[in-house]
Amino acid sequence: MFVFQASVLFGAEIILEDHLSQSLPGWIKSIGFAVEAVAYLTIGLTPFAAVVAALGFATVIAASWFLRKPGES
């Protein structure tokens, strides 16, 4: 999924930069750059946030398992 998303964004960037950059005003290029930057950050940060959340949940579960009193189920 990551490869597909990155490929689509990269392909759109190439198309916009090579074929449409001469005819677009500067403010549209700026908006496109901002949207592209947010898209790349989202693709990169979402898996990182998921891993951090999973490690946090695993730590809480492991701590509760290790710290439970003997005889409790």
PDB file of N, CA and C in Angstrom:
ATOM      1  N   MET A   1       0.830  -1.191   0.000  1.00  0.00           N
ATOM      2  CA  MET A   1       0.000   0.000   0.000  1.00  0.00           C
ATOM      3  C   MET A   1       0.875   1.255   0.000  1.00  0.00           C
ATOM      4  N   PHE A   2       1.930   1.216   0.813  1.00  0.00           N
ATOM      5  CA  PHE A   2       2.835   2.365   0.870  1.00  0.00           C
ATOM      6  C   PHE A   2       3.469   2.631  -0.492  1.00  0.00           C
ATOM      7  N   VAL A   3       3.897   1.564  -1.152  1.00  0.00           N
ATOM      8  CA  VAL A   3       4.539   1.717  -2.463  1.00  0.00           C
ATOM      9  C   VAL A   3       3.548   2.289  -3.466  1.00  0.00           C
ATOM     10  N   PHE A   4       2.311   1.840  -3.412  1.00  0.00           N
ATOM     11  CA  PHE A   4       1.287   2.352  -4.323  1.00  0.00           C
ATOM     12  C   PHE A   4       1.036   3.836  -4.082  1.00  0.00           C
ATOM     13  N   GLN A   5       0.869   4.218  -2.821  1.00  0.00           N
ATOM     14  CA  GLN A   5       0.618   5.623  -2.499  1.00  0.00           C
ATOM     15  C   GLN A   5       1.788   6.509  -2.921  1.00  0.00           C
ATOM     16  N   ALA A   6       2.988   6.076  -2.596  1.00  0.00           N
ATOM     17  CA  ALA A   6       4.163   6.867  -2.962  1.00  0.00           C
ATOM     18  C   ALA A   6       4.306   6.957  -4.476  1.00  0.00           C
ATOM     19  N   SER A   7       4.012   5.879  -5.189  1.00  0.00           N
ATOM     20  CA  SER A   7       4.109   5.890  -6.648  1.00  0.00           C
ATOM     21  C   SER A   7       3.095   6.849  -7.270  1.00  0.00           C
ATOM     22  N   VAL A   8       1.881   6.847  -6.752  1.00  0.00           N
ATOM     23  CA  VAL A   8       0.858   7.757  -7.270  1.00  0.00           C
ATOM     24  C   VAL A   8       1.257   9.208  -7.023  1.00  0.00           C
ATOM     25  N   LEU A   9       1.722   9.519  -5.831  1.00  0.00           N
ATOM     26  CA  LEU A   9       2.136  10.887  -5.535  1.00  0.00           C
ATOM     27  C   LEU A   9       3.330  11.303  -6.388  1.00  0.00           C
ATOM     28  N   PHE A  10       4.294  10.417  -6.501  1.00  0.00           N
ATOM     29  CA  PHE A  10       5.473  10.739  -7.288  1.00  0.00           C
ATOM     30  C   PHE A  10       5.114  10.913  -8.765  1.00  0.00           C
ATOM     31  N   GLY A  11       4.261  10.046  -9.283  1.00  0.00           N
ATOM     32  CA  GLY A  11       3.821  10.176 -10.675  1.00  0.00           C
ATOM     33  C   GLY A  11       3.058  11.469 -10.920  1.00  0.00           C
ATOM     34  N   ALA A  12       2.181  11.824  -9.983  1.00  0.00           N
ATOM     35  CA  ALA A  12       1.436  13.082 -10.118  1.00  0.00           C
ATOM     36  C   ALA A  12       2.383  14.274 -10.055  1.00  0.00           C
ATOM     37  N   GLU A  13       3.390  14.178  -9.208  1.00  0.00           N
ATOM     38  CA  GLU A  13       4.377  15.257  -9.117  1.00  0.00           C
ATOM     39  C   GLU A  13       5.130  15.427 -10.439  1.00  0.00           C
ATOM     40  N   ILE A  14       5.515  14.324 -11.038  1.00  0.00           N
ATOM     41  CA  ILE A  14       6.234  14.382 -12.320  1.00  0.00           C
ATOM     42  C   ILE A  14       5.341  14.981 -13.401  1.00  0.00           C
ATOM     43  N   ILE A  15       4.096  14.531 -13.461  1.00  0.00           N
ATOM     44  CA  ILE A  15       3.173  15.045 -14.481  1.00  0.00           C
ATOM     45  C   ILE A  15       2.946  16.538 -14.298  1.00  0.00           C
ATOM     46  N   LEU A  16       2.682  16.961 -13.058  1.00  0.00           N
ATOM     47  CA  LEU A  16       2.428  18.377 -12.824  1.00  0.00           C
ATOM     48  C   LEU A  16       3.661  19.234 -13.099  1.00  0.00           C
ATOM     49  N   GLU A  17       4.817  18.760 -12.682  1.00  0.00           N
ATOM     50  CA  GLU A  17       6.040  19.553 -12.839  1.00  0.00           C
ATOM     51  C   GLU A  17       6.481  19.627 -14.301  1.00  0.00           C
ATOM     52  N   ASP A  18       6.423  18.521 -15.016  1.00  0.00           N
ATOM     53  CA  ASP A  18       6.938  18.500 -16.391  1.00  0.00           C
ATOM     54  C   ASP A  18       5.960  19.065 -17.416  1.00  0.00           C
ATOM     55  N   HIS A  19       4.681  18.784 -17.231  1.00  0.00           N
ATOM     56  CA  HIS A  19       3.728  19.128 -18.287  1.00  0.00           C
ATOM     57  C   HIS A  19       2.896  20.366 -17.992  1.00  0.00           C
ATOM     58  N   LEU A  20       2.633  20.640 -16.735  1.00  0.00           N
ATOM     59  CA  LEU A  20       1.736  21.749 -16.425  1.00  0.00           C
ATOM     60  C   LEU A  20       2.425  22.928 -15.747  1.00  0.00           C
ATOM     61  N   SER A  21       3.693  22.810 -15.437  1.00  0.00           N
ATOM     62  CA  SER A  21       4.337  23.858 -14.652  1.00  0.00           C
ATOM     63  C   SER A  21       4.454  25.172 -15.413  1.00  0.00           C
ATOM     64  N   GLN A  22       4.507  25.135 -16.737  1.00  0.00           N
ATOM     65  CA  GLN A  22       4.640  26.369 -17.503  1.00  0.00           C
ATOM     66  C   GLN A  22       3.337  27.167 -17.531  1.00  0.00           C
ATOM     67  N   SER A  23       2.209  26.476 -17.433  1.00  0.00           N
ATOM     68  CA  SER A  23       0.929  27.170 -17.597  1.00  0.00           C
ATOM     69  C   SER A  23       0.229  27.486 -16.271  1.00  0.00           C
ATOM     70  N   LEU A  24       0.771  27.023 -15.164  1.00  0.00           N
ATOM     71  CA  LEU A  24       0.114  27.279 -13.882  1.00  0.00           C
ATOM     72  C   LEU A  24       0.673  28.528 -13.213  1.00  0.00           C
ATOM     73  N   PRO A  25      -0.189  29.300 -12.542  1.00  0.00           N
ATOM     74  CA  PRO A  25       0.305  30.450 -11.776  1.00  0.00           C
ATOM     75  C   PRO A  25       1.099  29.985 -10.558  1.00  0.00           C
ATOM     76  N   GLY A  26       1.880  30.870 -10.004  1.00  0.00           N
ATOM     77  CA  GLY A  26       2.741  30.529  -8.878  1.00  0.00           C
ATOM     78  C   GLY A  26       1.991  30.110  -7.635  1.00  0.00           C
ATOM     79  N   TRP A  27       0.827  30.728  -7.357  1.00  0.00           N
ATOM     80  CA  TRP A  27       0.096  30.387  -6.136  1.00  0.00           C
ATOM     81  C   TRP A  27      -0.473  28.973  -6.211  1.00  0.00           C
ATOM     82  N   ILE A  28      -0.828  28.503  -7.400  1.00  0.00           N
ATOM     83  CA  ILE A  28      -1.321  27.128  -7.534  1.00  0.00           C
ATOM     84  C   ILE A  28      -0.171  26.149  -7.316  1.00  0.00           C
ATOM     85  N   LYS A  29       1.020  26.501  -7.799  1.00  0.00           N
ATOM     86  CA  LYS A  29       2.184  25.658  -7.554  1.00  0.00           C
ATOM     87  C   LYS A  29       2.478  25.563  -6.057  1.00  0.00           C
ATOM     88  N   SER A  30       2.322  26.685  -5.352  1.00  0.00           N
ATOM     89  CA  SER A  30       2.569  26.686  -3.909  1.00  0.00           C
ATOM     90  C   SER A  30       1.565  25.811  -3.165  1.00  0.00           C
ATOM     91  N   ILE A  31       0.307  25.899  -3.549  1.00  0.00           N
ATOM     92  CA  ILE A  31      -0.718  25.061  -2.918  1.00  0.00           C
ATOM     93  C   ILE A  31      -0.440  23.591  -3.225  1.00  0.00           C
ATOM     94  N   GLY A  32      -0.075  23.293  -4.452  1.00  0.00           N
ATOM     95  CA  GLY A  32       0.255  21.916  -4.821  1.00  0.00           C
ATOM     96  C   GLY A  32       1.433  21.385  -4.032  1.00  0.00           C
ATOM     97  N   PHE A  33       2.446  22.222  -3.846  1.00  0.00           N
ATOM     98  CA  PHE A  33       3.609  21.811  -3.060  1.00  0.00           C
ATOM     99  C   PHE A  33       3.215  21.534  -1.617  1.00  0.00           C
ATOM    100  N   ALA A  34       2.351  22.376  -1.041  1.00  0.00           N
ATOM    101  CA  ALA A  34       1.916  22.181   0.345  1.00  0.00           C
ATOM    102  C   ALA A  34       1.109  20.891   0.493  1.00  0.00           C
ATOM    103  N   VAL A  35       0.200  20.636  -0.429  1.00  0.00           N
ATOM    104  CA  VAL A  35      -0.603  19.408  -0.381  1.00  0.00           C
ATOM    105  C   VAL A  35       0.287  18.187  -0.542  1.00  0.00           C
ATOM    106  N   GLU A  36       1.241  18.275  -1.441  1.00  0.00           N
ATOM    107  CA  GLU A  36       2.161  17.167  -1.662  1.00  0.00           C
ATOM    108  C   GLU A  36       3.011  16.894  -0.417  1.00  0.00           C
ATOM    109  N   ALA A  37       3.477  17.954   0.219  1.00  0.00           N
ATOM    110  CA  ALA A  37       4.285  17.784   1.430  1.00  0.00           C
ATOM    111  C   ALA A  37       3.476  17.130   2.544  1.00  0.00           C
ATOM    112  N   VAL A  38       2.232  17.553   2.720  1.00  0.00           N
ATOM    113  CA  VAL A  38       1.364  16.951   3.743  1.00  0.00           C
ATOM    114  C   VAL A  38       1.097  15.485   3.412  1.00  0.00           C
ATOM    115  N   ALA A  39       0.892  15.178   2.137  1.00  0.00           N
ATOM    116  CA  ALA A  39       0.632  13.789   1.747  1.00  0.00           C
ATOM    117  C   ALA A  39       1.840  12.901   2.041  1.00  0.00           C
ATOM    118  N   TYR A  40       3.034  13.367   1.695  1.00  0.00           N
ATOM    119  CA  TYR A  40       4.231  12.569   1.965  1.00  0.00           C
ATOM    120  C   TYR A  40       4.449  12.410   3.467  1.00  0.00           C
ATOM    121  N   LEU A  41       4.215  13.464   4.247  1.00  0.00           N
ATOM    122  CA  LEU A  41       4.365  13.360   5.698  1.00  0.00           C
ATOM    123  C   LEU A  41       3.351  12.380   6.290  1.00  0.00           C
ATOM    124  N   THR A  42       2.134  12.420   5.777  1.00  0.00           N
ATOM    125  CA  THR A  42       1.110  11.502   6.271  1.00  0.00           C
ATOM    126  C   THR A  42       1.486  10.057   5.991  1.00  0.00           C
ATOM    127  N   ILE A  43       1.966   9.800   4.785  1.00  0.00           N
ATOM    128  CA  ILE A  43       2.365   8.437   4.436  1.00  0.00           C
ATOM    129  C   ILE A  43       3.516   7.980   5.322  1.00  0.00           C
ATOM    130  N   GLY A  44       4.436   8.878   5.617  1.00  0.00           N
ATOM    131  CA  GLY A  44       5.594   8.505   6.423  1.00  0.00           C
ATOM    132  C   GLY A  44       5.310   8.406   7.908  1.00  0.00           C
ATOM    133  N   LEU A  45       4.438   9.272   8.427  1.00  0.00           N
ATOM    134  CA  LEU A  45       4.211   9.321   9.876  1.00  0.00           C
ATOM    135  C   LEU A  45       3.154   8.336  10.364  1.00  0.00           C
ATOM    136  N   THR A  46       2.239   7.937   9.511  1.00  0.00           N
ATOM    137  CA  THR A  46       1.188   7.014   9.943  1.00  0.00           C
ATOM    138  C   THR A  46       1.746   5.673  10.404  1.00  0.00           C
ATOM    139  N   PRO A  47       2.634   5.014   9.663  1.00  0.00           N
ATOM    140  CA  PRO A  47       3.194   3.753  10.162  1.00  0.00           C
ATOM    141  C   PRO A  47       4.012   3.954  11.435  1.00  0.00           C
ATOM    142  N   PHE A  48       4.731   5.062  11.525  1.00  0.00           N
ATOM    143  CA  PHE A  48       5.522   5.343  12.730  1.00  0.00           C
ATOM    144  C   PHE A  48       4.612   5.486  13.943  1.00  0.00           C
ATOM    145  N   ALA A  49       3.514   6.214  13.805  1.00  0.00           N
ATOM    146  CA  ALA A  49       2.568   6.381  14.905  1.00  0.00           C
ATOM    147  C   ALA A  49       1.928   5.051  15.278  1.00  0.00           C
ATOM    148  N   ALA A  50       1.644   4.211  14.303  1.00  0.00           N
ATOM    149  CA  ALA A  50       1.055   2.901  14.583  1.00  0.00           C
ATOM    150  C   ALA A  50       2.026   2.023  15.366  1.00  0.00           C
ATOM    151  N   VAL A  51       3.297   2.064  15.013  1.00  0.00           N
ATOM    152  CA  VAL A  51       4.299   1.267  15.733  1.00  0.00           C
ATOM    153  C   VAL A  51       4.450   1.768  17.168  1.00  0.00           C
ATOM    154  N   VAL A  52       4.484   3.079  17.356  1.00  0.00           N
ATOM    155  CA  VAL A  52       4.607   3.640  18.705  1.00  0.00           C
ATOM    156  C   VAL A  52       3.391   3.261  19.547  1.00  0.00           C
ATOM    157  N   ALA A  53       2.203   3.341  18.980  1.00  0.00           N
ATOM    158  CA  ALA A  53       0.988   2.962  19.712  1.00  0.00           C
ATOM    159  C   ALA A  53       1.011   1.480  20.065  1.00  0.00           C
ATOM    160  N   ALA A  54       1.423   0.641  19.140  1.00  0.00           N
ATOM    161  CA  ALA A  54       1.486  -0.802  19.408  1.00  0.00           C
ATOM    162  C   ALA A  54       2.485  -1.108  20.513  1.00  0.00           C
ATOM    163  N   LEU A  55       3.635  -0.451  20.499  1.00  0.00           N
ATOM    164  CA  LEU A  55       4.620  -0.669  21.561  1.00  0.00           C
ATOM    165  C   LEU A  55       4.084  -0.206  22.917  1.00  0.00           C
ATOM    166  N   GLY A  56       3.356   0.891  22.930  1.00  0.00           N
ATOM    167  CA  GLY A  56       2.755   1.365  24.173  1.00  0.00           C
ATOM    168  C   GLY A  56       1.736   0.381  24.725  1.00  0.00           C
ATOM    169  N   PHE A  57       0.854  -0.111  23.862  1.00  0.00           N
ATOM    170  CA  PHE A  57      -0.140  -1.088  24.306  1.00  0.00           C
ATOM    171  C   PHE A  57       0.525  -2.380  24.770  1.00  0.00           C
ATOM    172  N   ALA A  58       1.541  -2.816  24.052  1.00  0.00           N
ATOM    173  CA  ALA A  58       2.247  -4.036  24.445  1.00  0.00           C
ATOM    174  C   ALA A  58       2.937  -3.860  25.796  1.00  0.00           C
ATOM    175  N   THR A  59       3.476  -2.685  26.043  1.00  0.00           N
ATOM    176  CA  THR A  59       4.116  -2.417  27.334  1.00  0.00           C
ATOM    177  C   THR A  59       3.102  -2.464  28.471  1.00  0.00           C
ATOM    178  N   VAL A  60       1.945  -1.871  28.286  1.00  0.00           N
ATOM    179  CA  VAL A  60       0.903  -1.887  29.319  1.00  0.00           C
ATOM    180  C   VAL A  60       0.424  -3.312  29.572  1.00  0.00           C
ATOM    181  N   ILE A  61       0.200  -4.072  28.520  1.00  0.00           N
ATOM    182  CA  ILE A  61      -0.262  -5.452  28.681  1.00  0.00           C
ATOM    183  C   ILE A  61       0.800  -6.299  29.376  1.00  0.00           C
ATOM    184  N   ALA A  62       2.060  -6.142  28.973  1.00  0.00           N
ATOM    185  CA  ALA A  62       3.136  -6.908  29.602  1.00  0.00           C
ATOM    186  C   ALA A  62       3.305  -6.517  31.067  1.00  0.00           C
ATOM    187  N   ALA A  63       3.208  -5.239  31.378  1.00  0.00           N
ATOM    188  CA  ALA A  63       3.342  -4.788  32.761  1.00  0.00           C
ATOM    189  C   ALA A  63       2.206  -5.336  33.619  1.00  0.00           C
ATOM    190  N   SER A  64       0.987  -5.313  33.103  1.00  0.00           N
ATOM    191  CA  SER A  64      -0.129  -5.836  33.892  1.00  0.00           C
ATOM    192  C   SER A  64      -0.004  -7.351  34.078  1.00  0.00           C
ATOM    193  N   TRP A  65       0.556  -8.035  33.098  1.00  0.00           N
ATOM    194  CA  TRP A  65       0.735  -9.483  33.212  1.00  0.00           C
ATOM    195  C   TRP A  65       1.823  -9.814  34.232  1.00  0.00           C
ATOM    196  N   PHE A  66       2.916  -9.074  34.207  1.00  0.00           N
ATOM    197  CA  PHE A  66       4.014  -9.336  35.135  1.00  0.00           C
ATOM    198  C   PHE A  66       3.715  -8.883  36.567  1.00  0.00           C
ATOM    199  N   LEU A  67       2.885  -7.857  36.711  1.00  0.00           N
ATOM    200  CA  LEU A  67       2.635  -7.290  38.038  1.00  0.00           C
ATOM    201  C   LEU A  67       1.377  -7.826  38.711  1.00  0.00           C
ATOM    202  N   ARG A  68       0.712  -8.775  38.086  1.00  0.00           N
ATOM    203  CA  ARG A  68      -0.498  -9.309  38.712  1.00  0.00           C
ATOM    204  C   ARG A  68      -0.112 -10.178  39.912  1.00  0.00           C
ATOM    205  N   LYS A  69      -1.023 -10.256  40.836  1.00  0.00           N
ATOM    206  CA  LYS A  69      -0.757 -11.037  42.051  1.00  0.00           C
ATOM    207  C   LYS A  69      -0.896 -12.526  41.756  1.00  0.00           C
ATOM    208  N   PRO A  70      -0.085 -13.344  42.432  1.00  0.00           N
ATOM    209  CA  PRO A  70      -0.230 -14.795  42.240  1.00  0.00           C
ATOM    210  C   PRO A  70      -1.624 -15.251  42.686  1.00  0.00           C
ATOM    211  N   GLY A  71      -2.199 -16.144  41.953  1.00  0.00           N
ATOM    212  CA  GLY A  71      -3.516 -16.661  42.268  1.00  0.00           C
ATOM    213  C   GLY A  71      -4.627 -15.971  41.501  1.00  0.00           C
ATOM    214  N   GLU A  72      -4.353 -14.802  40.913  1.00  0.00           N
ATOM    215  CA  GLU A  72      -5.369 -14.146  40.093  1.00  0.00           C
ATOM    216  C   GLU A  72      -5.342 -14.754  38.698  1.00  0.00           C
ATOM    217  N   SER A  73      -6.524 -14.814  38.083  1.00  0.00           N
ATOM    218  CA  SER A  73      -6.519 -15.341  36.726  1.00  0.00           C
ATOM    219  C   SER A  73      -6.659 -14.251  35.716  1.00  0.00           C
TER     220      SER A  73
END
